[in-house]
Amino acid sequence: MGQEQPDPTSRLAKLGWWTLLVTLSVILSALFEWANLPAGLLIGPMIAGIVVGVLGARLRLPPVALLGAQAIIGCLIAASLEPALFSALLADWPILLGATFATLVASGGLGGLIARFGILPGTTAIWGSAPGAASAMVLMADAFGADARLVAFMQYVRVIMVSVAAALIARLFVDTSVIERPPVAWFPPLEWGAFLTTLSVALAGAVGGRLARLPAAIFLGPMLLGIVVHAGFGLPLQLPHWLLAISYVLVGWSIGLRFDRKVLAHAGRSLPQVMLAVLLLIGFCGAVAWLLVHSLGIDPLTAYLATSPGGMDSVAIIAAASGSVDIAFVMAMQMMRFLIVLLAGPPVVRWLAERVREPD
């Protein structure tokens, strides 16, 4: 009998792959954070996972780790919904709703065209075009059977392009050279009541979402319960940066490690078309902002940031740098669009996918 070949998935080989994955993730995340790129703590590990996956590693995260990360991200969305946002939504709901639906129709149409021309598969193209929090869209798409790898590719190409465009547009109205991200407190003092409330919401929301058979239950369950607890009952939630960083890294790895050479080649071939679609969406949102300026008297920077299709973190930073921007209006419109996508996304994607036929 011939000598057995070494098992590439042996413990020693896996240790080497994990070491490479962690090292690349730290380097890329630090580089992106230094460059102030949006979602650097997620994109860095995702790219590291792609590199390791394409090189041939067969690594898998423990399911409980990924589920916990999804639940924490759901809590993060809930914690960002302050009561003041709901007041702004109620005060300007016809304007917000009209502009939001216009953006959603445009993004859905672009996603449909991407699928129609066979650039990317149907549901993947539509979820990838959906304007909203990118990490949430990836989790939702994965739960509904779309290719999370290509959805993430589309979402983060858009996030980066939209963030750069918003910063360039802002230069016309405010000196963005003074814009600085606030210093990050990685290990803030734990407010035990708020921190334990957060962990309880994550656990109870995940279990309740599963029992209620919610779509994307591990993400939506904690988010919905967190909204009730935080915005409804006024209880604070604490999500220290180290906990968010761990969650972002785990989600980034889970996406990146699914890539192989074939998927990466597909993503690379579709990059020019995806970038063109993003530019068209940015232009359409700019036209909606122009209508808000000329019909309702909203200042140009407020209108543009409110309609900007993604990059919510960057939009908030740029808005905070100018005293002329109505931050409540900007964030209310961004959040309304995000909530509508979360609630209406699955049925709308199914409806569009049934009508989009990819070429043979």
Protein backbone atom coordinates (compact mmCIF):
# COMPACT_ATOMS: atom_id res chain seq x y z
CA MET A 1 0.00 0.00 0.00
CA GLY A 2 1.23 3.49 -0.83
CA GLN A 3 1.95 6.05 1.81
CA GLU A 4 -1.07 8.20 2.76
CA GLN A 5 -0.99 11.77 1.60
CA PRO A 6 -1.07 14.44 4.35
CA ASP A 7 -4.54 15.73 5.06
CA PRO A 8 -4.68 19.43 4.09
CA THR A 9 -7.35 19.94 6.75
CA SER A 10 -5.18 18.54 9.53
CA ARG A 11 -4.93 20.53 12.73
CA LEU A 12 -1.47 21.85 11.85
CA ALA A 13 -2.58 22.98 8.40
CA LYS A 14 -5.69 24.63 9.84
CA LEU A 15 -3.59 26.43 12.44
CA GLY A 16 -1.43 27.83 9.65
CA TRP A 17 -4.48 29.00 7.68
CA TRP A 18 -6.06 30.59 10.77
CA THR A 19 -2.78 32.38 11.53
CA LEU A 20 -2.65 33.76 7.99
CA LEU A 21 -6.31 34.77 8.16
CA VAL A 22 -5.93 36.62 11.46
CA THR A 23 -2.71 38.34 10.39
CA LEU A 24 -4.15 39.55 7.08
CA SER A 25 -7.34 40.69 8.83
CA VAL A 26 -5.41 42.79 11.36
CA ILE A 27 -3.23 44.40 8.67
CA LEU A 28 -6.10 45.20 6.28
CA SER A 29 -8.46 46.40 9.01
CA ALA A 30 -5.79 48.71 10.44
CA LEU A 31 -5.06 50.07 6.94
CA PHE A 32 -8.73 50.73 6.17
CA GLU A 33 -9.37 52.31 9.56
CA TRP A 34 -6.32 54.54 9.12
CA ALA A 35 -7.66 55.60 5.70
CA ASN A 36 -11.11 56.27 7.23
CA LEU A 37 -12.76 53.87 4.80
CA PRO A 38 -16.29 52.90 5.85
CA ALA A 39 -16.82 49.49 7.47
CA GLY A 40 -13.08 48.81 7.56
CA LEU A 41 -13.44 46.31 10.40
CA LEU A 42 -15.76 44.24 8.22
CA ILE A 43 -14.23 44.76 4.78
CA GLY A 44 -10.68 43.98 5.96
CA PRO A 45 -11.54 40.53 7.37
CA MET A 46 -13.80 39.87 4.38
CA ILE A 47 -10.94 40.50 1.94
CA ALA A 48 -8.60 38.41 4.12
CA GLY A 49 -11.15 35.60 4.03
CA ILE A 50 -11.36 35.86 0.24
CA VAL A 51 -7.57 35.62 -0.08
CA VAL A 52 -7.33 32.62 2.23
CA GLY A 53 -10.33 30.93 0.64
CA VAL A 54 -9.02 31.38 -2.90
CA LEU A 55 -5.64 29.99 -1.80
CA GLY A 56 -7.41 26.75 -0.88
CA ALA A 57 -8.17 26.93 2.84
CA ARG A 58 -11.26 25.10 4.03
CA LEU A 59 -12.06 26.97 7.21
CA ARG A 60 -15.48 27.24 8.80
CA LEU A 61 -16.63 29.36 11.71
CA PRO A 62 -18.50 27.73 14.60
CA PRO A 63 -22.21 28.35 13.93
CA VAL A 64 -22.77 29.81 17.40
CA ALA A 65 -20.10 32.48 16.76
CA LEU A 66 -21.73 33.68 13.54
CA LEU A 67 -25.21 33.61 15.06
CA GLY A 68 -23.99 35.68 17.99
CA ALA A 69 -22.42 38.23 15.64
CA GLN A 70 -25.68 38.57 13.71
CA ALA A 71 -27.64 39.10 16.93
CA ILE A 72 -25.22 41.83 18.08
CA ILE A 73 -25.54 43.65 14.75
CA GLY A 74 -29.33 43.51 15.17
CA CYS A 75 -28.90 45.17 18.58
CA LEU A 76 -26.66 47.81 16.99
CA ILE A 77 -29.41 48.81 14.56
CA ALA A 78 -31.93 48.99 17.41
CA ALA A 79 -29.60 51.13 19.54
CA SER A 80 -29.29 53.68 16.71
CA LEU A 81 -33.04 54.33 16.69
CA GLU A 82 -33.50 57.22 19.09
CA PRO A 83 -36.98 58.64 19.87
CA ALA A 84 -36.00 61.92 18.15
CA LEU A 85 -35.80 60.04 14.85
CA PHE A 86 -39.40 58.92 15.15
CA SER A 87 -40.47 62.52 15.83
CA ALA A 88 -38.73 63.60 12.62
CA LEU A 89 -40.38 60.75 10.72
CA LEU A 90 -43.84 61.81 11.88
CA ALA A 91 -43.23 65.50 11.17
CA ASP A 92 -42.07 65.02 7.56
CA TRP A 93 -43.45 61.60 6.65
CA PRO A 94 -44.96 62.49 3.22
CA ILE A 95 -41.66 63.96 2.00
CA LEU A 96 -39.59 61.17 3.47
CA LEU A 97 -41.87 58.46 2.14
CA GLY A 98 -41.99 59.85 -1.40
CA ALA A 99 -38.22 60.33 -1.68
CA THR A 100 -37.58 56.94 -0.07
CA PHE A 101 -39.84 55.07 -2.49
CA ALA A 102 -38.27 56.87 -5.45
CA THR A 103 -34.83 55.66 -4.34
CA LEU A 104 -36.09 52.13 -3.74
CA VAL A 105 -37.73 51.97 -7.17
CA ALA A 106 -34.52 53.17 -8.81
CA SER A 107 -32.34 50.67 -6.93
CA GLY A 108 -34.78 47.83 -7.66
CA GLY A 109 -34.83 48.76 -11.32
CA LEU A 110 -31.04 48.78 -11.52
CA GLY A 111 -30.88 45.43 -9.75
CA GLY A 112 -33.41 44.04 -12.19
CA LEU A 113 -31.35 45.26 -15.15
CA ILE A 114 -28.19 43.69 -13.72
CA ALA A 115 -30.06 40.41 -13.46
CA ARG A 116 -31.76 40.78 -16.85
CA PHE A 117 -28.42 41.16 -18.63
CA GLY A 118 -26.98 38.17 -16.77
CA ILE A 119 -24.30 40.19 -14.98
CA LEU A 120 -25.30 38.65 -11.62
CA PRO A 121 -28.06 36.21 -10.60
CA GLY A 122 -31.56 37.63 -10.00
CA THR A 123 -32.07 37.77 -6.24
CA THR A 124 -28.37 38.43 -5.71
CA ALA A 125 -28.46 41.46 -8.01
CA ILE A 126 -31.61 42.85 -6.36
CA TRP A 127 -30.37 42.42 -2.77
CA GLY A 128 -26.98 43.80 -3.78
CA SER A 129 -28.65 46.93 -5.17
CA ALA A 130 -30.86 47.50 -2.11
CA PRO A 131 -29.97 50.77 -0.35
CA GLY A 132 -29.60 50.18 3.37
CA ALA A 133 -27.10 49.16 6.02
CA ALA A 134 -24.77 46.91 4.01
CA SER A 135 -24.11 44.33 6.72
CA ALA A 136 -27.84 43.97 7.35
CA MET A 137 -28.57 43.53 3.64
CA VAL A 138 -25.93 40.80 3.38
CA LEU A 139 -27.42 38.93 6.34
CA MET A 140 -30.95 39.26 4.96
CA ALA A 141 -29.86 38.15 1.48
CA ASP A 142 -28.10 35.10 2.90
CA ALA A 143 -31.23 34.14 4.86
CA PHE A 144 -33.31 34.29 1.68
CA GLY A 145 -31.07 32.17 -0.50
CA ALA A 146 -29.12 34.83 -2.41
CA ASP A 147 -25.35 34.51 -2.85
CA ALA A 148 -24.09 36.47 0.17
CA ARG A 149 -20.60 36.68 -1.35
CA LEU A 150 -21.73 38.60 -4.43
CA VAL A 151 -24.27 40.63 -2.45
CA ALA A 152 -21.44 41.73 -0.14
CA PHE A 153 -19.31 42.57 -3.18
CA MET A 154 -22.05 44.83 -4.61
CA GLN A 155 -22.97 46.39 -1.28
CA TYR A 156 -19.45 47.39 -0.27
CA VAL A 157 -18.49 48.68 -3.70
CA ARG A 158 -21.54 50.95 -3.34
CA VAL A 159 -20.75 51.91 0.26
CA ILE A 160 -17.24 53.04 -0.66
CA MET A 161 -18.32 54.91 -3.81
CA VAL A 162 -21.27 56.61 -2.09
CA SER A 163 -19.15 57.66 0.90
CA VAL A 164 -16.50 59.19 -1.37
CA ALA A 165 -19.19 60.94 -3.44
CA ALA A 166 -20.89 62.34 -0.32
CA ALA A 167 -17.57 63.71 0.94
CA LEU A 168 -16.83 65.34 -2.44
CA ILE A 169 -20.31 66.88 -2.66
CA ALA A 170 -19.96 68.17 0.90
CA ARG A 171 -16.82 70.08 -0.11
CA LEU A 172 -19.07 72.41 -2.13
CA PHE A 173 -20.88 73.48 1.04
CA VAL A 174 -18.56 72.91 4.02
CA ASP A 175 -14.84 72.69 4.65
CA THR A 176 -14.47 68.92 5.01
CA SER A 177 -10.78 69.26 5.83
CA VAL A 178 -11.83 69.77 9.45
CA ILE A 179 -13.97 66.62 9.51
CA GLU A 180 -12.47 64.06 11.83
CA ARG A 181 -13.89 60.84 13.10
CA PRO A 182 -14.34 60.92 16.87
CA PRO A 183 -11.71 58.93 18.77
CA VAL A 184 -12.71 55.32 19.30
CA ALA A 185 -12.97 54.10 22.89
CA TRP A 186 -12.19 50.42 22.39
CA PHE A 187 -12.66 49.41 26.02
CA PRO A 188 -15.06 51.88 27.63
CA PRO A 189 -16.19 51.33 31.22
CA LEU A 190 -19.02 48.84 31.12
CA GLU A 191 -22.40 50.11 32.21
CA TRP A 192 -23.46 46.76 33.53
CA GLY A 193 -27.19 47.41 33.40
CA ALA A 194 -27.11 48.55 29.76
CA PHE A 195 -24.57 45.91 28.75
CA LEU A 196 -26.52 43.04 30.30
CA THR A 197 -29.71 44.42 28.73
CA THR A 198 -27.98 44.27 25.34
CA LEU A 199 -26.87 40.68 25.82
CA SER A 200 -30.35 39.71 27.05
CA VAL A 201 -31.97 41.36 24.02
CA ALA A 202 -29.54 39.53 21.69
CA LEU A 203 -30.28 36.14 23.25
CA ALA A 204 -34.01 36.56 23.79
CA GLY A 205 -34.49 38.18 20.39
CA ALA A 206 -32.66 35.37 18.60
CA VAL A 207 -34.67 32.68 20.40
CA GLY A 208 -37.94 34.59 19.96
CA GLY A 209 -37.22 35.23 16.29
CA ARG A 210 -36.65 31.53 15.71
CA LEU A 211 -39.84 30.58 17.58
CA ALA A 212 -41.83 33.19 15.64
CA ARG A 213 -40.25 31.92 12.39
CA LEU A 214 -39.16 35.39 11.37
CA PRO A 215 -37.12 35.72 8.19
CA ALA A 216 -33.45 36.24 9.11
CA ALA A 217 -34.60 35.49 12.66
CA ILE A 218 -31.20 35.77 14.36
CA PHE A 219 -30.80 39.30 13.02
CA LEU A 220 -34.37 40.60 12.93
CA GLY A 221 -35.43 39.11 16.28
CA PRO A 222 -32.87 41.06 18.36
CA MET A 223 -33.41 44.17 16.22
CA LEU A 224 -37.19 44.22 16.73
CA LEU A 225 -36.95 43.39 20.42
CA GLY A 226 -34.21 46.00 20.81
CA ILE A 227 -36.42 48.67 19.20
CA VAL A 228 -39.16 47.89 21.72
CA VAL A 229 -36.76 47.90 24.67
CA HIS A 230 -34.69 50.94 23.63
CA ALA A 231 -37.01 53.23 21.68
CA GLY A 232 -40.22 52.02 23.30
CA PHE A 233 -39.30 51.67 26.99
CA GLY A 234 -36.28 53.96 26.94
CA LEU A 235 -33.79 51.40 28.26
CA PRO A 236 -30.20 52.06 27.17
CA LEU A 237 -28.22 49.51 25.19
CA GLN A 238 -24.42 49.43 25.38
CA LEU A 239 -22.39 47.97 22.54
CA PRO A 240 -18.70 48.52 23.31
CA HIS A 241 -16.47 48.87 20.29
CA TRP A 242 -14.60 45.65 21.03
CA LEU A 243 -17.85 43.68 20.87
CA LEU A 244 -18.87 45.33 17.59
CA ALA A 245 -15.39 44.71 16.16
CA ILE A 246 -15.60 41.00 16.98
CA SER A 247 -19.04 40.83 15.35
CA TYR A 248 -17.86 42.64 12.20
CA VAL A 249 -14.82 40.38 11.92
CA LEU A 250 -16.90 37.21 12.25
CA VAL A 251 -19.41 38.36 9.62
CA GLY A 252 -16.56 39.44 7.30
CA TRP A 253 -14.84 36.05 7.66
CA SER A 254 -18.08 34.15 7.09
CA ILE A 255 -18.55 35.95 3.77
CA GLY A 256 -14.95 35.94 2.58
CA LEU A 257 -14.25 32.28 3.33
CA ARG A 258 -17.07 31.28 0.98
CA PHE A 259 -15.27 32.71 -2.04
CA ASP A 260 -13.38 30.51 -4.45
CA ARG A 261 -11.55 31.34 -7.67
CA LYS A 262 -14.65 30.96 -9.82
CA VAL A 263 -16.76 33.33 -7.69
CA LEU A 264 -13.89 35.84 -7.46
CA ALA A 265 -13.48 35.83 -11.24
CA HIS A 266 -17.23 36.41 -11.64
CA ALA A 267 -17.11 39.34 -9.23
CA GLY A 268 -14.14 40.86 -11.04
CA ARG A 269 -15.83 40.61 -14.43
CA SER A 270 -18.95 42.35 -13.13
CA LEU A 271 -17.09 45.21 -11.37
CA PRO A 272 -17.39 47.78 -14.24
CA GLN A 273 -21.14 47.16 -14.59
CA VAL A 274 -21.66 47.32 -10.83
CA MET A 275 -19.74 50.61 -10.62
CA LEU A 276 -21.81 52.04 -13.48
CA ALA A 277 -25.02 51.01 -11.70
CA VAL A 278 -23.82 52.71 -8.50
CA LEU A 279 -23.00 55.91 -10.39
CA LEU A 280 -26.46 55.90 -11.95
CA LEU A 281 -28.06 55.42 -8.52
CA ILE A 282 -25.98 58.27 -7.06
CA GLY A 283 -27.07 60.49 -9.97
CA PHE A 284 -30.73 59.55 -9.47
CA CYS A 285 -30.54 60.32 -5.74
CA GLY A 286 -28.92 63.63 -6.61
CA ALA A 287 -31.91 64.41 -8.84
CA VAL A 288 -34.30 63.58 -5.97
CA ALA A 289 -32.27 65.89 -3.72
CA TRP A 290 -32.53 68.66 -6.34
CA LEU A 291 -36.33 68.29 -6.32
CA LEU A 292 -36.37 68.57 -2.51
CA VAL A 293 -34.25 71.72 -2.71
CA HIS A 294 -36.37 73.47 -5.33
CA SER A 295 -39.82 72.35 -4.20
CA LEU A 296 -39.47 72.40 -0.41
CA GLY A 297 -36.63 74.83 0.24
CA ILE A 298 -34.39 72.27 1.95
CA ASP A 299 -30.72 73.27 1.83
CA PRO A 300 -28.71 71.34 -0.80
CA LEU A 301 -26.35 69.51 1.54
CA THR A 302 -29.18 68.31 3.80
CA ALA A 303 -31.15 67.11 0.77
CA TYR A 304 -28.21 65.28 -0.77
CA LEU A 305 -27.09 63.59 2.44
CA ALA A 306 -30.67 62.56 3.21
CA THR A 307 -31.07 60.87 -0.18
CA SER A 308 -27.55 59.43 -0.36
CA PRO A 309 -27.95 55.67 -1.01
CA GLY A 310 -25.86 54.16 1.74
CA GLY A 311 -22.81 54.91 3.84
CA MET A 312 -24.93 55.94 6.85
CA ASP A 313 -21.92 56.25 9.16
CA SER A 314 -20.04 58.53 6.78
CA VAL A 315 -23.18 60.55 6.09
CA ALA A 316 -23.66 61.15 9.82
CA ILE A 317 -20.05 62.33 10.23
CA ILE A 318 -20.27 64.75 7.29
CA ALA A 319 -23.66 66.05 8.45
CA ALA A 320 -22.30 66.71 11.93
CA ALA A 321 -19.49 68.87 10.48
CA SER A 322 -21.86 71.56 9.21
CA GLY A 323 -24.13 73.68 11.34
CA SER A 324 -26.46 74.22 8.38
CA VAL A 325 -27.42 70.54 7.98
CA ASP A 326 -30.64 69.27 9.56
CA ILE A 327 -29.16 66.10 11.06
CA ALA A 328 -32.50 64.83 12.37
CA PHE A 329 -34.02 65.06 8.87
CA VAL A 330 -31.00 63.34 7.28
CA MET A 331 -30.91 60.45 9.71
CA ALA A 332 -34.71 60.07 9.78
CA MET A 333 -34.78 59.63 6.00
CA GLN A 334 -31.84 57.24 6.05
CA MET A 335 -33.48 55.18 8.79
CA MET A 336 -36.92 55.16 7.11
CA ARG A 337 -35.38 53.74 3.96
CA PHE A 338 -33.51 51.13 5.95
CA LEU A 339 -36.62 50.02 7.84
CA ILE A 340 -38.71 49.84 4.67
CA VAL A 341 -36.05 47.68 3.00
CA LEU A 342 -35.93 45.39 6.03
CA LEU A 343 -39.69 44.96 6.24
CA ALA A 344 -40.66 45.03 2.57
CA GLY A 345 -37.43 43.69 1.08
CA PRO A 346 -38.14 39.94 1.10
CA PRO A 347 -41.55 40.03 -0.65
CA VAL A 348 -40.41 42.72 -3.10
CA VAL A 349 -37.26 40.77 -3.98
CA ARG A 350 -39.31 37.62 -4.56
CA TRP A 351 -41.77 39.58 -6.72
CA LEU A 352 -38.98 41.11 -8.80
CA ALA A 353 -37.09 37.81 -9.08
CA GLU A 354 -40.17 36.09 -10.49
CA ARG A 355 -40.36 38.71 -13.24
CA VAL A 356 -36.68 38.89 -14.04
CA ARG A 357 -35.54 36.14 -16.35
CA GLU A 358 -31.81 35.84 -16.81
CA PRO A 359 -30.57 35.13 -20.36
CA ASP A 360 -29.73 31.51 -21.14
